[in-house]
N, C-alpha and C. Protein backbone atom coordinates (compact mmCIF):
# COMPACT_ATOMS: atom_id res chain seq x y z
N MET A 1 84.50 -59.04 -144.62
CA MET A 1 84.29 -60.25 -145.75
C MET A 1 85.49 -60.56 -146.37
N THR A 2 85.65 -62.04 -146.48
CA THR A 2 87.04 -62.20 -147.20
C THR A 2 86.65 -62.60 -148.73
N LEU A 3 87.55 -62.67 -149.63
CA LEU A 3 87.43 -62.98 -150.77
C LEU A 3 86.27 -64.27 -151.22
N PRO A 4 85.68 -63.90 -152.55
CA PRO A 4 84.51 -65.11 -152.65
C PRO A 4 85.40 -66.15 -153.33
N PRO A 5 85.00 -67.38 -153.37
CA PRO A 5 85.58 -68.42 -153.97
C PRO A 5 86.33 -68.23 -155.12
N LEU A 6 87.60 -68.86 -155.23
CA LEU A 6 88.21 -68.74 -156.63
C LEU A 6 88.69 -70.14 -156.97
N PRO A 7 87.98 -70.96 -157.42
CA PRO A 7 88.22 -72.23 -157.89
C PRO A 7 89.31 -72.14 -159.33
N GLU A 8 89.90 -73.34 -159.36
CA GLU A 8 90.66 -73.19 -160.76
C GLU A 8 89.85 -73.30 -162.03
N SER A 9 88.76 -73.80 -162.03
CA SER A 9 87.84 -73.65 -162.95
C SER A 9 87.46 -72.32 -163.10
N ALA A 10 87.44 -71.19 -162.33
CA ALA A 10 87.28 -69.91 -162.62
C ALA A 10 88.36 -68.98 -163.05
N ILE A 11 89.54 -69.75 -163.60
CA ILE A 11 90.82 -69.01 -163.99
C ILE A 11 91.15 -69.16 -165.26
N VAL A 12 91.09 -68.46 -166.20
CA VAL A 12 91.47 -68.44 -167.64
C VAL A 12 92.68 -67.32 -167.94
N LEU A 13 93.58 -68.10 -168.39
CA LEU A 13 94.93 -67.37 -168.50
C LEU A 13 95.17 -67.34 -169.98
N ALA A 14 95.79 -66.17 -170.60
CA ALA A 14 96.18 -65.87 -171.78
C ALA A 14 95.18 -65.96 -172.66
N ALA A 15 94.02 -65.62 -172.53
CA ALA A 15 92.79 -65.83 -173.43
C ALA A 15 92.74 -64.68 -174.37
N GLU A 16 92.32 -65.11 -175.56
CA GLU A 16 91.99 -64.19 -176.88
C GLU A 16 90.54 -63.42 -176.73
N ALA A 17 90.59 -62.42 -176.66
CA ALA A 17 89.38 -61.61 -176.72
C ALA A 17 89.41 -60.25 -177.82
N ALA A 18 88.29 -60.27 -178.74
CA ALA A 18 88.30 -59.39 -179.65
C ALA A 18 87.91 -58.07 -179.41
N ASP A 19 87.22 -57.98 -178.16
CA ASP A 19 86.81 -56.71 -177.47
C ASP A 19 86.54 -56.98 -176.30
N TRP A 20 86.08 -55.84 -175.42
CA TRP A 20 85.73 -55.94 -173.82
C TRP A 20 84.48 -56.67 -173.86
N ARG A 21 83.56 -56.81 -174.73
CA ARG A 21 82.26 -57.72 -174.51
C ARG A 21 82.82 -59.10 -174.39
N ALA A 22 83.74 -59.46 -175.38
CA ALA A 22 84.24 -60.92 -175.38
C ALA A 22 84.86 -61.34 -174.24
N ALA A 23 85.89 -60.19 -173.46
CA ALA A 23 86.56 -60.45 -172.40
C ALA A 23 85.55 -60.68 -171.17
N VAL A 24 84.57 -59.96 -171.11
CA VAL A 24 83.46 -59.92 -170.04
C VAL A 24 82.95 -61.36 -170.14
N THR A 25 82.45 -61.70 -171.35
CA THR A 25 81.69 -63.01 -171.56
C THR A 25 82.57 -64.28 -171.21
N LEU A 26 84.04 -64.00 -171.28
CA LEU A 26 84.94 -65.05 -170.68
C LEU A 26 84.74 -65.20 -169.24
N ALA A 27 84.92 -64.08 -168.56
CA ALA A 27 84.91 -64.01 -167.15
C ALA A 27 83.50 -64.51 -166.58
N GLY A 28 82.48 -64.31 -167.28
CA GLY A 28 81.09 -64.66 -167.07
C GLY A 28 81.03 -66.36 -167.18
N GLU A 29 81.50 -66.75 -168.30
CA GLU A 29 81.63 -68.14 -168.48
C GLU A 29 82.55 -68.82 -167.68
N ALA A 30 83.54 -68.32 -167.08
CA ALA A 30 84.23 -68.92 -166.02
C ALA A 30 83.43 -69.02 -164.58
N LEU A 31 82.63 -67.99 -164.46
CA LEU A 31 81.92 -67.81 -163.20
C LEU A 31 80.57 -69.04 -163.30
N THR A 32 80.21 -69.40 -164.55
CA THR A 32 79.58 -70.42 -164.91
C THR A 32 79.83 -71.62 -164.53
N ARG A 33 81.13 -71.87 -165.14
CA ARG A 33 81.91 -73.11 -164.84
C ARG A 33 82.05 -73.50 -163.49
N SER A 34 82.31 -72.32 -162.88
CA SER A 34 82.56 -72.71 -161.24
C SER A 34 81.31 -72.96 -160.35
N GLY A 35 80.39 -72.71 -160.88
CA GLY A 35 78.92 -72.98 -160.23
C GLY A 35 78.44 -71.80 -159.62
N SER A 36 78.91 -70.55 -159.85
CA SER A 36 78.44 -69.40 -159.39
C SER A 36 77.56 -68.50 -159.94
N ALA A 37 77.31 -68.89 -161.22
CA ALA A 37 76.47 -67.95 -162.01
C ALA A 37 76.02 -68.81 -163.15
N GLU A 38 74.43 -68.26 -163.56
CA GLU A 38 73.80 -69.14 -164.71
C GLU A 38 74.68 -68.30 -165.99
N PRO A 39 74.49 -69.05 -167.24
CA PRO A 39 75.11 -68.55 -168.44
C PRO A 39 74.60 -66.97 -168.67
N GLY A 40 73.55 -66.49 -168.13
CA GLY A 40 72.98 -65.19 -168.42
C GLY A 40 73.74 -64.01 -167.91
N TYR A 41 74.50 -64.53 -166.81
CA TYR A 41 75.06 -63.49 -165.92
C TYR A 41 75.96 -62.61 -166.95
N SER A 42 76.78 -63.21 -167.90
CA SER A 42 77.55 -62.43 -168.57
C SER A 42 76.90 -61.47 -169.50
N ARG A 43 75.89 -61.76 -169.88
CA ARG A 43 74.91 -60.72 -170.61
C ARG A 43 74.40 -59.56 -169.48
N GLU A 44 74.18 -59.88 -168.12
CA GLU A 44 74.06 -58.87 -167.22
C GLU A 44 75.21 -58.02 -166.96
N MET A 45 76.43 -58.38 -166.97
CA MET A 45 77.52 -57.68 -166.80
C MET A 45 77.78 -56.84 -167.84
N ILE A 46 77.62 -57.32 -169.25
CA ILE A 46 77.86 -56.51 -170.29
C ILE A 46 76.76 -55.36 -170.33
N ARG A 47 75.68 -55.62 -169.72
CA ARG A 47 74.42 -54.53 -169.83
C ARG A 47 74.76 -53.44 -169.09
N MET A 48 75.23 -53.93 -167.89
CA MET A 48 75.73 -52.90 -166.70
C MET A 48 76.59 -51.86 -167.40
N ILE A 49 77.77 -52.28 -168.11
CA ILE A 49 78.59 -51.60 -168.54
C ILE A 49 78.30 -50.62 -169.96
N GLU A 50 77.43 -51.32 -170.61
CA GLU A 50 76.53 -50.41 -171.57
C GLU A 50 75.69 -49.39 -171.31
N GLN A 51 75.14 -49.62 -169.84
CA GLN A 51 74.14 -48.66 -169.26
C GLN A 51 75.26 -47.38 -168.64
N HIS A 52 76.18 -47.90 -167.85
CA HIS A 52 77.01 -47.07 -166.98
C HIS A 52 78.14 -46.70 -167.50
N GLY A 53 78.47 -47.23 -168.40
CA GLY A 53 80.10 -46.85 -168.92
C GLY A 53 81.18 -47.70 -168.35
N PRO A 54 82.43 -47.29 -168.76
CA PRO A 54 83.27 -48.44 -168.21
C PRO A 54 84.12 -47.93 -166.79
N TYR A 55 82.96 -48.04 -165.83
CA TYR A 55 83.21 -47.73 -164.45
C TYR A 55 83.97 -48.95 -163.86
N VAL A 56 83.73 -50.18 -164.66
CA VAL A 56 84.32 -51.26 -164.00
C VAL A 56 85.97 -51.41 -164.18
N VAL A 57 86.60 -50.46 -164.83
CA VAL A 57 87.83 -50.59 -165.09
C VAL A 57 88.43 -49.65 -163.96
N ILE A 58 88.85 -50.46 -162.85
CA ILE A 58 89.17 -49.83 -161.60
C ILE A 58 90.60 -49.14 -161.46
N ALA A 59 91.37 -49.81 -162.26
CA ALA A 59 92.68 -49.59 -162.19
C ALA A 59 93.34 -49.69 -163.76
N PRO A 60 94.60 -49.01 -163.89
CA PRO A 60 95.32 -49.07 -164.99
C PRO A 60 95.51 -50.78 -165.43
N GLY A 61 94.72 -51.35 -166.46
CA GLY A 61 94.93 -52.51 -167.05
C GLY A 61 93.89 -53.69 -166.32
N LEU A 62 93.01 -53.03 -165.30
CA LEU A 62 92.24 -53.99 -164.61
C LEU A 62 90.65 -53.73 -164.50
N ALA A 63 89.89 -54.70 -165.18
CA ALA A 63 88.69 -54.47 -164.99
C ALA A 63 87.80 -55.38 -163.97
N LEU A 64 86.93 -54.84 -163.18
CA LEU A 64 86.14 -55.78 -162.08
C LEU A 64 84.87 -55.95 -162.59
N ALA A 65 84.43 -56.73 -163.49
CA ALA A 65 83.19 -56.72 -163.89
C ALA A 65 82.08 -57.37 -163.06
N HIS A 66 81.00 -56.82 -162.81
CA HIS A 66 79.99 -57.57 -162.09
C HIS A 66 78.62 -56.98 -162.38
N ALA A 67 77.64 -57.57 -162.01
CA ALA A 67 76.25 -57.09 -162.01
C ALA A 67 75.52 -57.24 -160.68
N ARG A 68 74.41 -56.60 -160.64
CA ARG A 68 73.72 -56.76 -159.35
C ARG A 68 73.28 -58.16 -159.00
N PRO A 69 73.06 -58.49 -157.67
CA PRO A 69 72.71 -59.84 -157.08
C PRO A 69 71.51 -60.03 -157.82
N GLY A 70 71.04 -61.11 -158.33
CA GLY A 70 69.78 -61.35 -158.99
C GLY A 70 69.83 -62.85 -159.37
N PRO A 71 68.58 -63.22 -160.05
CA PRO A 71 68.37 -64.78 -160.29
C PRO A 71 69.32 -65.36 -161.01
N GLU A 72 70.39 -64.70 -161.78
CA GLU A 72 71.46 -65.20 -162.51
C GLU A 72 72.71 -65.55 -161.59
N VAL A 73 72.66 -65.07 -160.40
CA VAL A 73 73.81 -65.54 -159.40
C VAL A 73 73.24 -66.70 -158.30
N ILE A 74 74.20 -67.81 -158.67
CA ILE A 74 73.93 -69.10 -157.81
C ILE A 74 74.57 -68.77 -156.43
N ALA A 75 75.53 -68.39 -156.57
CA ALA A 75 76.46 -68.36 -155.14
C ALA A 75 77.63 -67.32 -155.38
N ASP A 76 78.11 -66.86 -154.28
CA ASP A 76 79.10 -66.07 -154.18
C ASP A 76 80.33 -66.55 -155.11
N GLY A 77 80.97 -65.82 -156.08
CA GLY A 77 82.15 -66.43 -156.88
C GLY A 77 83.07 -65.23 -157.54
N LEU A 78 84.19 -65.46 -157.96
CA LEU A 78 85.05 -64.60 -158.46
C LEU A 78 85.73 -65.49 -159.57
N SER A 79 85.85 -64.92 -160.64
CA SER A 79 86.63 -65.45 -161.79
C SER A 79 87.66 -64.52 -162.10
N ILE A 80 88.85 -64.99 -162.79
CA ILE A 80 89.60 -64.08 -163.43
C ILE A 80 90.32 -64.64 -164.66
N VAL A 81 90.17 -63.72 -165.71
CA VAL A 81 90.74 -63.86 -166.92
C VAL A 81 91.89 -62.88 -167.23
N THR A 82 93.00 -63.53 -167.79
CA THR A 82 93.92 -62.71 -168.15
C THR A 82 94.28 -62.61 -169.53
N LEU A 83 94.56 -61.58 -170.28
CA LEU A 83 93.98 -61.60 -171.87
C LEU A 83 95.65 -61.65 -172.56
N ALA A 84 95.85 -62.40 -173.62
CA ALA A 84 96.86 -62.32 -174.56
C ALA A 84 97.32 -60.89 -174.85
N SER A 85 96.13 -60.15 -175.58
CA SER A 85 96.17 -58.92 -175.97
C SER A 85 95.05 -57.88 -175.16
N PRO A 86 95.73 -57.05 -174.74
CA PRO A 86 94.74 -56.25 -173.93
C PRO A 86 93.73 -55.60 -174.79
N VAL A 87 92.53 -55.35 -174.00
CA VAL A 87 91.22 -54.47 -174.85
C VAL A 87 91.03 -53.27 -174.10
N ASN A 88 90.44 -52.39 -175.02
CA ASN A 88 89.98 -51.17 -174.38
C ASN A 88 88.58 -51.33 -174.09
N PHE A 89 88.27 -50.74 -172.89
CA PHE A 89 86.70 -50.51 -172.47
C PHE A 89 86.11 -49.33 -172.63
N GLY A 90 87.00 -48.28 -172.92
CA GLY A 90 86.61 -46.84 -173.50
C GLY A 90 86.88 -45.93 -172.22
N HIS A 91 87.74 -46.52 -171.15
CA HIS A 91 88.05 -45.67 -169.88
C HIS A 91 89.08 -44.58 -170.34
N PRO A 92 88.79 -43.39 -169.94
CA PRO A 92 89.81 -42.44 -170.13
C PRO A 92 91.38 -42.51 -169.73
N HIS A 93 91.63 -43.43 -168.63
CA HIS A 93 92.62 -43.33 -167.99
C HIS A 93 93.22 -44.70 -168.05
N ASN A 94 92.30 -45.68 -167.74
CA ASN A 94 92.95 -47.01 -167.31
C ASN A 94 92.84 -48.11 -168.27
N ASP A 95 92.57 -47.62 -169.69
CA ASP A 95 92.75 -48.62 -170.67
C ASP A 95 94.20 -48.79 -171.25
N PRO A 96 94.68 -49.73 -171.85
CA PRO A 96 93.86 -51.08 -172.10
C PRO A 96 93.82 -51.98 -171.02
N VAL A 97 93.12 -52.80 -170.93
CA VAL A 97 92.80 -53.95 -169.81
C VAL A 97 93.33 -55.12 -170.35
N SER A 98 93.91 -55.65 -169.24
CA SER A 98 94.76 -57.15 -169.52
C SER A 98 94.30 -58.24 -168.64
N VAL A 99 93.73 -57.71 -167.30
CA VAL A 99 93.14 -58.62 -166.39
C VAL A 99 91.70 -58.17 -166.20
N VAL A 100 90.84 -59.34 -166.52
CA VAL A 100 89.39 -59.04 -166.09
C VAL A 100 88.80 -60.01 -164.98
N LEU A 101 88.54 -59.23 -164.00
CA LEU A 101 87.75 -60.24 -162.68
C LEU A 101 86.38 -60.06 -162.97
N GLY A 102 85.83 -61.33 -162.87
CA GLY A 102 84.25 -61.53 -162.77
C GLY A 102 83.81 -61.48 -161.20
N LEU A 103 82.96 -60.86 -160.92
CA LEU A 103 82.41 -61.21 -159.53
C LEU A 103 80.86 -61.18 -159.52
N ALA A 104 80.42 -62.29 -158.83
CA ALA A 104 79.01 -62.73 -158.78
C ALA A 104 78.72 -62.65 -157.18
N ILE A 105 78.04 -61.92 -156.80
CA ILE A 105 77.57 -61.91 -155.33
C ILE A 105 76.15 -62.24 -155.46
N ALA A 106 75.69 -63.12 -154.31
CA ALA A 106 74.13 -63.65 -154.15
C ALA A 106 73.34 -62.41 -153.54
N SER A 107 74.06 -61.93 -152.56
CA SER A 107 73.24 -60.97 -151.66
C SER A 107 73.53 -59.65 -152.01
N ALA A 108 72.60 -58.52 -151.69
CA ALA A 108 72.76 -57.28 -151.93
C ALA A 108 73.35 -56.79 -150.73
N ASP A 109 73.10 -57.38 -149.48
CA ASP A 109 73.84 -57.01 -148.50
C ASP A 109 75.42 -57.03 -148.27
N THR A 110 75.89 -58.17 -149.00
CA THR A 110 77.35 -58.46 -149.15
C THR A 110 78.07 -57.88 -150.29
N HIS A 111 77.29 -57.37 -151.25
CA HIS A 111 77.82 -57.18 -152.50
C HIS A 111 79.12 -55.94 -152.62
N LEU A 112 78.81 -54.81 -151.66
CA LEU A 112 79.72 -53.73 -151.60
C LEU A 112 81.11 -54.37 -150.68
N ALA A 113 80.78 -55.13 -149.73
CA ALA A 113 81.87 -55.62 -149.02
C ALA A 113 82.69 -56.40 -149.81
N ALA A 114 82.09 -57.31 -150.67
CA ALA A 114 82.84 -58.14 -151.77
C ALA A 114 83.78 -57.38 -152.52
N VAL A 115 82.93 -56.47 -153.24
CA VAL A 115 83.99 -55.60 -154.11
C VAL A 115 85.08 -55.04 -153.28
N ALA A 116 84.75 -54.68 -152.16
CA ALA A 116 86.03 -53.97 -151.35
C ALA A 116 86.88 -55.20 -151.08
N ALA A 117 86.71 -56.26 -150.84
CA ALA A 117 87.47 -57.29 -150.45
C ALA A 117 88.30 -57.51 -151.71
N VAL A 118 87.90 -57.43 -153.03
CA VAL A 118 88.29 -57.92 -154.17
C VAL A 118 89.68 -56.76 -154.35
N ALA A 119 88.76 -55.30 -154.20
CA ALA A 119 89.92 -54.22 -154.55
C ALA A 119 90.79 -54.10 -153.40
N ASN A 120 90.82 -54.80 -152.33
CA ASN A 120 92.03 -54.53 -151.38
C ASN A 120 93.22 -55.30 -151.93
N VAL A 121 93.04 -56.49 -152.59
CA VAL A 121 94.13 -57.20 -153.19
C VAL A 121 94.82 -56.14 -153.87
N PHE A 122 94.46 -55.35 -154.56
CA PHE A 122 95.32 -54.42 -155.45
C PHE A 122 95.82 -53.18 -154.99
N ASN A 123 95.81 -53.24 -153.35
CA ASN A 123 96.57 -52.28 -152.60
C ASN A 123 98.10 -52.61 -152.82
N ASP A 124 98.38 -54.00 -153.38
CA ASP A 124 99.70 -54.24 -153.71
C ASP A 124 99.92 -53.79 -155.29
N SER A 125 100.71 -53.12 -155.44
CA SER A 125 100.92 -52.18 -156.77
C SER A 125 101.19 -53.09 -157.88
N SER A 126 102.01 -54.13 -157.48
CA SER A 126 102.41 -55.32 -158.27
C SER A 126 101.45 -56.29 -158.64
N ALA A 127 100.30 -56.17 -158.03
CA ALA A 127 99.32 -57.35 -158.26
C ALA A 127 98.70 -57.40 -159.83
N ILE A 128 98.32 -56.48 -160.38
CA ILE A 128 97.99 -56.55 -161.56
C ILE A 128 98.91 -57.11 -162.65
N ALA A 129 100.06 -56.58 -162.52
CA ALA A 129 101.09 -56.90 -163.49
C ALA A 129 101.27 -58.59 -163.23
N ASP A 130 101.52 -58.74 -161.72
CA ASP A 130 101.74 -60.26 -161.69
C ASP A 130 100.58 -61.34 -161.89
N LEU A 131 99.28 -60.70 -161.98
CA LEU A 131 98.23 -61.52 -162.55
C LEU A 131 98.49 -61.57 -164.06
N ALA A 132 98.69 -60.44 -164.62
CA ALA A 132 98.92 -60.45 -166.14
C ALA A 132 99.78 -61.46 -166.66
N ALA A 133 100.99 -61.57 -165.76
CA ALA A 133 102.07 -62.59 -166.32
C ALA A 133 101.86 -64.06 -165.75
N ALA A 134 100.92 -64.30 -164.67
CA ALA A 134 100.68 -65.51 -164.03
C ALA A 134 100.72 -66.58 -165.30
N VAL A 135 101.16 -67.68 -164.98
CA VAL A 135 101.22 -68.86 -165.98
C VAL A 135 100.42 -70.20 -165.46
N SER A 136 100.00 -70.16 -164.17
CA SER A 136 99.04 -71.11 -163.60
C SER A 136 97.97 -70.70 -162.85
N ALA A 137 97.03 -71.38 -162.72
CA ALA A 137 96.07 -71.01 -161.76
C ALA A 137 96.26 -71.05 -160.28
N LEU A 138 97.11 -71.80 -159.97
CA LEU A 138 97.90 -71.72 -158.52
C LEU A 138 98.61 -70.37 -158.38
N GLU A 139 99.13 -69.90 -159.46
CA GLU A 139 99.81 -68.85 -159.14
C GLU A 139 98.82 -67.55 -158.94
N VAL A 140 97.70 -67.46 -159.82
CA VAL A 140 96.75 -66.70 -159.50
C VAL A 140 96.17 -66.51 -158.22
N GLN A 141 95.84 -67.89 -157.77
CA GLN A 141 95.10 -68.20 -156.58
C GLN A 141 96.08 -67.38 -155.36
N LYS A 142 97.45 -67.54 -155.52
CA LYS A 142 98.16 -67.12 -154.67
C LYS A 142 98.28 -65.71 -154.44
N ILE A 143 98.22 -64.76 -155.59
CA ILE A 143 98.43 -63.58 -155.73
C ILE A 143 97.02 -62.90 -155.21
N MET A 144 95.85 -63.60 -155.54
CA MET A 144 94.53 -63.11 -155.01
C MET A 144 94.35 -63.28 -153.61
N GLY A 145 95.43 -64.27 -152.80
CA GLY A 145 95.32 -64.63 -151.59
C GLY A 145 94.15 -65.55 -151.17
N ALA A 146 93.76 -66.33 -152.32
CA ALA A 146 92.89 -67.42 -152.15
C ALA A 146 93.30 -68.66 -151.61
N VAL A 147 94.49 -68.83 -151.84
CA VAL A 147 95.64 -70.20 -151.28
C VAL A 147 96.58 -69.39 -150.24
N GLU A 148 96.70 -70.13 -149.51
CA GLU A 148 98.07 -69.82 -148.63
C GLU A 148 99.46 -69.98 -149.37
N LEU A 149 100.38 -68.98 -148.96
CA LEU A 149 101.64 -69.28 -149.82
C LEU A 149 102.34 -70.35 -149.20
């Protein structure tokens, strides 16, 4: 599976977030703006973290917020939020987080493949720092492989 769509409307740079819930909400709002999720999807992502802990913090400085496919998901989509000031999710090793990805996947059949496709971007050890330093949506899209260089 390739990456879900990452339109410019789903990218937020140097955002201010008081805490991890606010950061995840920003990622959810970006998914809503791009047409991938209903406004309630942010609440679903937050609920998953509240229930299961900070499992979404998948690497130092990086969180991959998502919830199960459901009625809040309109279409597959990806959002990226970089934070002006990193926030803690409560992860013992990977906090604080400066890049939050939001992932909405419509089908349970492709959910794991989509997570894997996103995670593969971060096989490049500089990708997190590059995203955190990005100053344009196009730059983010290039780092994520969503547009050709």
